[in-house]
Amino acid sequence: MIATLLPLVTAWGIVLPESLLSSQTFAVLSTVVAINTVMYGALALAKMLPKVYPRDWVTDRSRRAETRSIHPEGSGQGDDSQFRG
């Protein structure tokens, strides 16, 4: 029986019965799949973008205007730029 319906199914594009497609369970399942797909796409896009440091956007009033380190400014031992994520 399936062998006789296979050409009919592929020609018309009928895979699932209409009663299943219009059911509440199928609607909920398709909604979950749609949300999952959007979230996966957003995470993949966010992974491709460069990392953002919000701390660089805001001026920090508690940071000193000049260094108080015992090391000179250009030595590289006193700056904390190596610790940024």
PDB file of N, CA and C in Angstrom:
ATOM      1  N   MET A   1       0.812  -1.186   0.000  1.00  0.00           N
ATOM      2  CA  MET A   1       0.000   0.000   0.000  1.00  0.00           C
ATOM      3  C   MET A   1       0.866   1.266   0.000  1.00  0.00           C
ATOM      4  N   ILE A   2       1.931   1.260   0.771  1.00  0.00           N
ATOM      5  CA  ILE A   2       2.803   2.438   0.839  1.00  0.00           C
ATOM      6  C   ILE A   2       3.484   2.675  -0.503  1.00  0.00           C
ATOM      7  N   ALA A   3       3.830   1.589  -1.185  1.00  0.00           N
ATOM      8  CA  ALA A   3       4.481   1.728  -2.483  1.00  0.00           C
ATOM      9  C   ALA A   3       3.554   2.396  -3.500  1.00  0.00           C
ATOM     10  N   THR A   4       2.269   2.189  -3.378  1.00  0.00           N
ATOM     11  CA  THR A   4       1.348   2.819  -4.320  1.00  0.00           C
ATOM     12  C   THR A   4       1.087   4.279  -3.979  1.00  0.00           C
ATOM     13  N   LEU A   5       1.189   4.648  -2.709  1.00  0.00           N
ATOM     14  CA  LEU A   5       0.953   6.037  -2.299  1.00  0.00           C
ATOM     15  C   LEU A   5       2.205   6.909  -2.411  1.00  0.00           C
ATOM     16  N   LEU A   6       3.385   6.317  -2.471  1.00  0.00           N
ATOM     17  CA  LEU A   6       4.628   7.083  -2.489  1.00  0.00           C
ATOM     18  C   LEU A   6       4.719   8.054  -3.657  1.00  0.00           C
ATOM     19  N   PRO A   7       4.424   7.662  -4.889  1.00  0.00           N
ATOM     20  CA  PRO A   7       4.477   8.655  -5.974  1.00  0.00           C
ATOM     21  C   PRO A   7       3.438   9.757  -5.795  1.00  0.00           C
ATOM     22  N   LEU A   8       2.303   9.422  -5.245  1.00  0.00           N
ATOM     23  CA  LEU A   8       1.252  10.407  -5.013  1.00  0.00           C
ATOM     24  C   LEU A   8       1.668  11.412  -3.936  1.00  0.00           C
ATOM     25  N   VAL A   9       2.292  10.909  -2.887  1.00  0.00           N
ATOM     26  CA  VAL A   9       2.726  11.765  -1.783  1.00  0.00           C
ATOM     27  C   VAL A   9       3.829  12.709  -2.238  1.00  0.00           C
ATOM     28  N   THR A  10       4.813  12.214  -2.958  1.00  0.00           N
ATOM     29  CA  THR A  10       5.918  13.069  -3.392  1.00  0.00           C
ATOM     30  C   THR A  10       5.481  14.053  -4.469  1.00  0.00           C
ATOM     31  N   ALA A  11       4.518  13.683  -5.288  1.00  0.00           N
ATOM     32  CA  ALA A  11       4.076  14.595  -6.344  1.00  0.00           C
ATOM     33  C   ALA A  11       3.263  15.754  -5.776  1.00  0.00           C
ATOM     34  N   TRP A  12       2.442  15.507  -4.802  1.00  0.00           N
ATOM     35  CA  TRP A  12       1.605  16.558  -4.226  1.00  0.00           C
ATOM     36  C   TRP A  12       2.274  17.264  -3.059  1.00  0.00           C
ATOM     37  N   GLY A  13       3.327  16.704  -2.529  1.00  0.00           N
ATOM     38  CA  GLY A  13       4.005  17.289  -1.390  1.00  0.00           C
ATOM     39  C   GLY A  13       3.290  17.031  -0.086  1.00  0.00           C
ATOM     40  N   ILE A  14       2.450  16.042  -0.018  1.00  0.00           N
ATOM     41  CA  ILE A  14       1.716  15.716   1.204  1.00  0.00           C
ATOM     42  C   ILE A  14       2.574  14.789   2.049  1.00  0.00           C
ATOM     43  N   VAL A  15       2.912  15.231   3.234  1.00  0.00           N
ATOM     44  CA  VAL A  15       3.722  14.405   4.116  1.00  0.00           C
ATOM     45  C   VAL A  15       2.933  14.046   5.371  1.00  0.00           C
ATOM     46  N   LEU A  16       2.224  15.010   5.924  1.00  0.00           N
ATOM     47  CA  LEU A  16       1.441  14.794   7.142  1.00  0.00           C
ATOM     48  C   LEU A  16      -0.031  15.089   6.864  1.00  0.00           C
ATOM     49  N   PRO A  17      -0.916  14.419   7.562  1.00  0.00           N
ATOM     50  CA  PRO A  17      -2.343  14.696   7.357  1.00  0.00           C
ATOM     51  C   PRO A  17      -2.728  16.085   7.879  1.00  0.00           C
ATOM     52  N   GLU A  18      -3.758  16.641   7.315  1.00  0.00           N
ATOM     53  CA  GLU A  18      -4.194  17.993   7.683  1.00  0.00           C
ATOM     54  C   GLU A  18      -4.664  18.069   9.130  1.00  0.00           C
ATOM     55  N   SER A  19      -5.239  16.998   9.625  1.00  0.00           N
ATOM     56  CA  SER A  19      -5.708  17.003  11.018  1.00  0.00           C
ATOM     57  C   SER A  19      -4.540  17.149  11.994  1.00  0.00           C
ATOM     58  N   LEU A  20      -3.398  16.602  11.637  1.00  0.00           N
ATOM     59  CA  LEU A  20      -2.216  16.742  12.495  1.00  0.00           C
ATOM     60  C   LEU A  20      -1.643  18.152  12.400  1.00  0.00           C
ATOM     61  N   LEU A  21      -1.624  18.703  11.210  1.00  0.00           N
ATOM     62  CA  LEU A  21      -1.068  20.044  11.023  1.00  0.00           C
ATOM     63  C   LEU A  21      -1.903  21.130  11.690  1.00  0.00           C
ATOM     64  N   SER A  22      -3.189  20.910  11.845  1.00  0.00           N
ATOM     65  CA  SER A  22      -4.040  21.925  12.460  1.00  0.00           C
ATOM     66  C   SER A  22      -4.271  21.683  13.948  1.00  0.00           C
ATOM     67  N   SER A  23      -3.559  20.731  14.548  1.00  0.00           N
ATOM     68  CA  SER A  23      -3.749  20.435  15.969  1.00  0.00           C
ATOM     69  C   SER A  23      -2.980  21.428  16.846  1.00  0.00           C
ATOM     70  N   GLN A  24      -3.411  21.551  18.079  1.00  0.00           N
ATOM     71  CA  GLN A  24      -2.784  22.454  19.048  1.00  0.00           C
ATOM     72  C   GLN A  24      -1.365  21.986  19.391  1.00  0.00           C
ATOM     73  N   THR A  25      -1.166  20.684  19.495  1.00  0.00           N
ATOM     74  CA  THR A  25       0.152  20.135  19.825  1.00  0.00           C
ATOM     75  C   THR A  25       1.171  20.476  18.747  1.00  0.00           C
ATOM     76  N   PHE A  26       0.776  20.366  17.499  1.00  0.00           N
ATOM     77  CA  PHE A  26       1.687  20.694  16.403  1.00  0.00           C
ATOM     78  C   PHE A  26       2.009  22.183  16.395  1.00  0.00           C
ATOM     79  N   ALA A  27       1.049  23.024  16.730  1.00  0.00           N
ATOM     80  CA  ALA A  27       1.291  24.470  16.782  1.00  0.00           C
ATOM     81  C   ALA A  27       2.286  24.817  17.874  1.00  0.00           C
ATOM     82  N   VAL A  28       2.153  24.181  19.033  1.00  0.00           N
ATOM     83  CA  VAL A  28       3.094  24.436  20.131  1.00  0.00           C
ATOM     84  C   VAL A  28       4.484  23.952  19.753  1.00  0.00           C
ATOM     85  N   LEU A  29       4.569  22.769  19.177  1.00  0.00           N
ATOM     86  CA  LEU A  29       5.858  22.220  18.773  1.00  0.00           C
ATOM     87  C   LEU A  29       6.525  23.090  17.715  1.00  0.00           C
ATOM     88  N   SER A  30       5.774  23.554  16.758  1.00  0.00           N
ATOM     89  CA  SER A  30       6.363  24.400  15.715  1.00  0.00           C
ATOM     90  C   SER A  30       6.798  25.755  16.281  1.00  0.00           C
ATOM     91  N   THR A  31       6.093  26.267  17.286  1.00  0.00           N
ATOM     92  CA  THR A  31       6.501  27.511  17.935  1.00  0.00           C
ATOM     93  C   THR A  31       7.820  27.330  18.683  1.00  0.00           C
ATOM     94  N   VAL A  32       7.954  26.229  19.378  1.00  0.00           N
ATOM     95  CA  VAL A  32       9.207  25.942  20.098  1.00  0.00           C
ATOM     96  C   VAL A  32      10.368  25.805  19.117  1.00  0.00           C
ATOM     97  N   VAL A  33      10.142  25.136  18.021  1.00  0.00           N
ATOM     98  CA  VAL A  33      11.195  24.975  17.016  1.00  0.00           C
ATOM     99  C   VAL A  33      11.567  26.324  16.403  1.00  0.00           C
ATOM    100  N   ALA A  34      10.589  27.183  16.166  1.00  0.00           N
ATOM    101  CA  ALA A  34      10.867  28.508  15.598  1.00  0.00           C
ATOM    102  C   ALA A  34      11.678  29.365  16.562  1.00  0.00           C
ATOM    103  N   ILE A  35      11.323  29.359  17.835  1.00  0.00           N
ATOM    104  CA  ILE A  35      12.074  30.131  18.832  1.00  0.00           C
ATOM    105  C   ILE A  35      13.487  29.581  18.969  1.00  0.00           C
ATOM    106  N   ASN A  36      13.619  28.269  18.968  1.00  0.00           N
ATOM    107  CA  ASN A  36      14.937  27.655  19.063  1.00  0.00           C
ATOM    108  C   ASN A  36      15.805  28.038  17.867  1.00  0.00           C
ATOM    109  N   THR A  37      15.223  28.076  16.690  1.00  0.00           N
ATOM    110  CA  THR A  37      15.976  28.439  15.497  1.00  0.00           C
ATOM    111  C   THR A  37      16.447  29.887  15.549  1.00  0.00           C
ATOM    112  N   VAL A  38      15.584  30.777  15.989  1.00  0.00           N
ATOM    113  CA  VAL A  38      15.958  32.193  16.098  1.00  0.00           C
ATOM    114  C   VAL A  38      17.062  32.378  17.138  1.00  0.00           C
ATOM    115  N   MET A  39      16.940  31.707  18.277  1.00  0.00           N
ATOM    116  CA  MET A  39      17.963  31.819  19.317  1.00  0.00           C
ATOM    117  C   MET A  39      19.302  31.259  18.833  1.00  0.00           C
ATOM    118  N   TYR A  40      19.285  30.143  18.148  1.00  0.00           N
ATOM    119  CA  TYR A  40      20.512  29.552  17.628  1.00  0.00           C
ATOM    120  C   TYR A  40      21.170  30.496  16.623  1.00  0.00           C
ATOM    121  N   GLY A  41      20.386  31.107  15.762  1.00  0.00           N
ATOM    122  CA  GLY A  41      20.931  32.057  14.800  1.00  0.00           C
ATOM    123  C   GLY A  41      21.515  33.285  15.472  1.00  0.00           C
ATOM    124  N   ALA A  42      20.829  33.792  16.504  1.00  0.00           N
ATOM    125  CA  ALA A  42      21.339  34.964  17.227  1.00  0.00           C
ATOM    126  C   ALA A  42      22.641  34.633  17.952  1.00  0.00           C
ATOM    127  N   LEU A  43      22.719  33.467  18.556  1.00  0.00           N
ATOM    128  CA  LEU A  43      23.960  33.076  19.238  1.00  0.00           C
ATOM    129  C   LEU A  43      25.104  32.867  18.251  1.00  0.00           C
ATOM    130  N   ALA A  44      24.814  32.309  17.098  1.00  0.00           N
ATOM    131  CA  ALA A  44      25.852  32.128  16.084  1.00  0.00           C
ATOM    132  C   ALA A  44      26.349  33.476  15.570  1.00  0.00           C
ATOM    133  N   LEU A  45      25.446  34.420  15.382  1.00  0.00           N
ATOM    134  CA  LEU A  45      25.836  35.757  14.949  1.00  0.00           C
ATOM    135  C   LEU A  45      26.650  36.472  16.028  1.00  0.00           C
ATOM    136  N   ALA A  46      26.231  36.349  17.282  1.00  0.00           N
ATOM    137  CA  ALA A  46      26.962  36.981  18.380  1.00  0.00           C
ATOM    138  C   ALA A  46      28.349  36.383  18.539  1.00  0.00           C
ATOM    139  N   LYS A  47      28.501  35.120  18.227  1.00  0.00           N
ATOM    140  CA  LYS A  47      29.804  34.466  18.333  1.00  0.00           C
ATOM    141  C   LYS A  47      30.767  34.988  17.274  1.00  0.00           C
ATOM    142  N   MET A  48      30.256  35.420  16.125  1.00  0.00           N
ATOM    143  CA  MET A  48      31.114  35.919  15.049  1.00  0.00           C
ATOM    144  C   MET A  48      31.551  37.366  15.283  1.00  0.00           C
ATOM    145  N   LEU A  49      30.776  38.128  16.032  1.00  0.00           N
ATOM    146  CA  LEU A  49      31.092  39.534  16.260  1.00  0.00           C
ATOM    147  C   LEU A  49      32.224  39.666  17.271  1.00  0.00           C
ATOM    148  N   PRO A  50      32.986  40.777  17.224  1.00  0.00           N
ATOM    149  CA  PRO A  50      34.056  40.960  18.205  1.00  0.00           C
ATOM    150  C   PRO A  50      33.496  41.170  19.608  1.00  0.00           C
ATOM    151  N   LYS A  51      34.299  40.829  20.613  1.00  0.00           N
ATOM    152  CA  LYS A  51      33.868  40.948  21.997  1.00  0.00           C
ATOM    153  C   LYS A  51      33.732  42.423  22.376  1.00  0.00           C
ATOM    154  N   VAL A  52      32.690  42.745  23.120  1.00  0.00           N
ATOM    155  CA  VAL A  52      32.406  44.122  23.509  1.00  0.00           C
ATOM    156  C   VAL A  52      32.680  44.272  24.997  1.00  0.00           C
ATOM    157  N   TYR A  53      33.375  45.342  25.345  1.00  0.00           N
ATOM    158  CA  TYR A  53      33.661  45.648  26.741  1.00  0.00           C
ATOM    159  C   TYR A  53      32.886  46.905  27.137  1.00  0.00           C
ATOM    160  N   PRO A  54      31.753  46.787  27.837  1.00  0.00           N
ATOM    161  CA  PRO A  54      30.968  47.967  28.214  1.00  0.00           C
ATOM    162  C   PRO A  54      31.742  48.923  29.124  1.00  0.00           C
ATOM    163  N   ARG A  55      32.723  48.407  29.840  1.00  0.00           N
ATOM    164  CA  ARG A  55      33.506  49.256  30.728  1.00  0.00           C
ATOM    165  C   ARG A  55      34.261  50.324  29.944  1.00  0.00           C
ATOM    166  N   ASP A  56      34.588  50.051  28.686  1.00  0.00           N
ATOM    167  CA  ASP A  56      35.297  51.031  27.870  1.00  0.00           C
ATOM    168  C   ASP A  56      34.397  52.170  27.412  1.00  0.00           C
ATOM    169  N   TRP A  57      33.083  51.985  27.428  1.00  0.00           N
ATOM    170  CA  TRP A  57      32.155  53.015  26.987  1.00  0.00           C
ATOM    171  C   TRP A  57      31.911  54.069  28.054  1.00  0.00           C
ATOM    172  N   VAL A  58      32.037  53.686  29.315  1.00  0.00           N
ATOM    173  CA  VAL A  58      31.700  54.567  30.426  1.00  0.00           C
ATOM    174  C   VAL A  58      32.990  55.089  31.046  1.00  0.00           C
ATOM    175  N   THR A  59      33.028  56.397  31.275  1.00  0.00           N
ATOM    176  CA  THR A  59      34.194  56.947  31.965  1.00  0.00           C
ATOM    177  C   THR A  59      34.091  56.608  33.445  1.00  0.00           C
ATOM    178  N   ASP A  60      35.162  56.137  33.985  1.00  0.00           N
ATOM    179  CA  ASP A  60      35.182  55.688  35.365  1.00  0.00           C
ATOM    180  C   ASP A  60      35.767  56.794  36.244  1.00  0.00           C
ATOM    181  N   ARG A  61      34.941  57.382  37.093  1.00  0.00           N
ATOM    182  CA  ARG A  61      35.398  58.488  37.936  1.00  0.00           C
ATOM    183  C   ARG A  61      36.348  58.013  39.020  1.00  0.00           C
ATOM    184  N   SER A  62      36.283  56.735  39.384  1.00  0.00           N
ATOM    185  CA  SER A  62      37.156  56.257  40.438  1.00  0.00           C
ATOM    186  C   SER A  62      38.561  55.932  39.934  1.00  0.00           C
ATOM    187  N   ARG A  63      38.780  55.983  38.648  1.00  0.00           N
ATOM    188  CA  ARG A  63      40.104  55.719  38.092  1.00  0.00           C
ATOM    189  C   ARG A  63      40.945  56.987  38.153  1.00  0.00           C
ATOM    190  N   ARG A  64      42.179  56.838  38.528  1.00  0.00           N
ATOM    191  CA  ARG A  64      43.058  58.004  38.676  1.00  0.00           C
ATOM    192  C   ARG A  64      43.407  58.610  37.321  1.00  0.00           C
ATOM    193  N   ALA A  65      43.582  59.912  37.305  1.00  0.00           N
ATOM    194  CA  ALA A  65      43.947  60.601  36.074  1.00  0.00           C
ATOM    195  C   ALA A  65      45.386  60.305  35.702  1.00  0.00           C
ATOM    196  N   GLU A  66      46.221  60.049  36.688  1.00  0.00           N
ATOM    197  CA  GLU A  66      47.620  59.707  36.416  1.00  0.00           C
ATOM    198  C   GLU A  66      48.001  58.509  37.274  1.00  0.00           C
ATOM    199  N   THR A  67      48.976  57.771  36.791  1.00  0.00           N
ATOM    200  CA  THR A  67      49.384  56.568  37.500  1.00  0.00           C
ATOM    201  C   THR A  67      50.175  56.914  38.761  1.00  0.00           C
ATOM    202  N   ARG A  68      50.033  56.084  39.787  1.00  0.00           N
ATOM    203  CA  ARG A  68      50.801  56.267  41.009  1.00  0.00           C
ATOM    204  C   ARG A  68      51.741  55.095  41.212  1.00  0.00           C
ATOM    205  N   SER A  69      52.044  54.404  40.132  1.00  0.00           N
ATOM    206  CA  SER A  69      52.909  53.242  40.184  1.00  0.00           C
ATOM    207  C   SER A  69      54.364  53.672  40.353  1.00  0.00           C
ATOM    208  N   ILE A  70      55.168  52.766  40.898  1.00  0.00           N
ATOM    209  CA  ILE A  70      56.598  53.054  41.023  1.00  0.00           C
ATOM    210  C   ILE A  70      57.308  52.826  39.700  1.00  0.00           C
ATOM    211  N   HIS A  71      56.609  52.189  38.766  1.00  0.00           N
ATOM    212  CA  HIS A  71      57.184  51.930  37.454  1.00  0.00           C
ATOM    213  C   HIS A  71      56.852  53.093  36.529  1.00  0.00           C
ATOM    214  N   PRO A  72      57.771  53.443  35.632  1.00  0.00           N
ATOM    215  CA  PRO A  72      57.475  54.532  34.674  1.00  0.00           C
ATOM    216  C   PRO A  72      56.304  54.171  33.772  1.00  0.00           C
ATOM    217  N   GLU A  73      55.715  55.176  33.154  1.00  0.00           N
ATOM    218  CA  GLU A  73      54.506  55.001  32.343  1.00  0.00           C
ATOM    219  C   GLU A  73      54.704  54.027  31.183  1.00  0.00           C
ATOM    220  N   GLY A  74      55.815  54.059  30.504  1.00  0.00           N
ATOM    221  CA  GLY A  74      56.019  53.239  29.319  1.00  0.00           C
ATOM    222  C   GLY A  74      56.619  51.870  29.580  1.00  0.00           C
ATOM    223  N   SER A  75      56.846  51.465  30.824  1.00  0.00           N
ATOM    224  CA  SER A  75      57.543  50.205  31.081  1.00  0.00           C
ATOM    225  C   SER A  75      56.668  48.984  30.869  1.00  0.00           C
ATOM    226  N   GLY A  76      55.344  49.128  30.976  1.00  0.00           N
ATOM    227  CA  GLY A  76      54.449  48.012  30.766  1.00  0.00           C
ATOM    228  C   GLY A  76      54.188  47.207  32.017  1.00  0.00           C
ATOM    229  N   GLN A  77      54.900  47.471  33.098  1.00  0.00           N
ATOM    230  CA  GLN A  77      54.693  46.717  34.326  1.00  0.00           C
ATOM    231  C   GLN A  77      53.562  47.292  35.178  1.00  0.00           C
ATOM    232  N   GLY A  78      53.267  48.560  35.012  1.00  0.00           N
ATOM    233  CA  GLY A  78      52.261  49.174  35.870  1.00  0.00           C
ATOM    234  C   GLY A  78      50.873  49.232  35.275  1.00  0.00           C
ATOM    235  N   ASP A  79      50.736  49.035  33.942  1.00  0.00           N
ATOM    236  CA  ASP A  79      49.395  49.167  33.370  1.00  0.00           C
ATOM    237  C   ASP A  79      48.623  47.876  33.510  1.00  0.00           C
ATOM    238  N   ASP A  80      47.305  47.994  33.581  1.00  0.00           N
ATOM    239  CA  ASP A  80      46.435  46.830  33.795  1.00  0.00           C
ATOM    240  C   ASP A  80      45.756  46.395  32.487  1.00  0.00           C
ATOM    241  N   SER A  81      46.253  46.833  31.333  1.00  0.00           N
ATOM    242  CA  SER A  81      45.590  46.475  30.081  1.00  0.00           C
ATOM    243  C   SER A  81      45.725  44.987  29.770  1.00  0.00           C
ATOM    244  N   GLN A  82      46.695  44.334  30.351  1.00  0.00           N
ATOM    245  CA  GLN A  82      46.859  42.899  30.108  1.00  0.00           C
ATOM    246  C   GLN A  82      45.790  42.076  30.787  1.00  0.00           C
ATOM    247  N   PHE A  83      45.066  42.652  31.751  1.00  0.00           N
ATOM    248  CA  PHE A  83      44.062  41.911  32.503  1.00  0.00           C
ATOM    249  C   PHE A  83      42.671  42.050  31.916  1.00  0.00           C
ATOM    250  N   ARG A  84      42.483  42.814  30.885  1.00  0.00           N
ATOM    251  CA  ARG A  84      41.160  42.944  30.270  1.00  0.00           C
ATOM    252  C   ARG A  84      40.895  41.726  29.432  1.00  0.00           C
ATOM    253  N   GLY A  85      39.868  41.009  29.807  1.00  0.00           N
ATOM    254  CA  GLY A  85      39.351  39.814  29.222  1.00  0.00           C
ATOM    255  C   GLY A  85      39.856  39.341  27.962  1.00  0.00           C
TER     256      GLY A  85
END
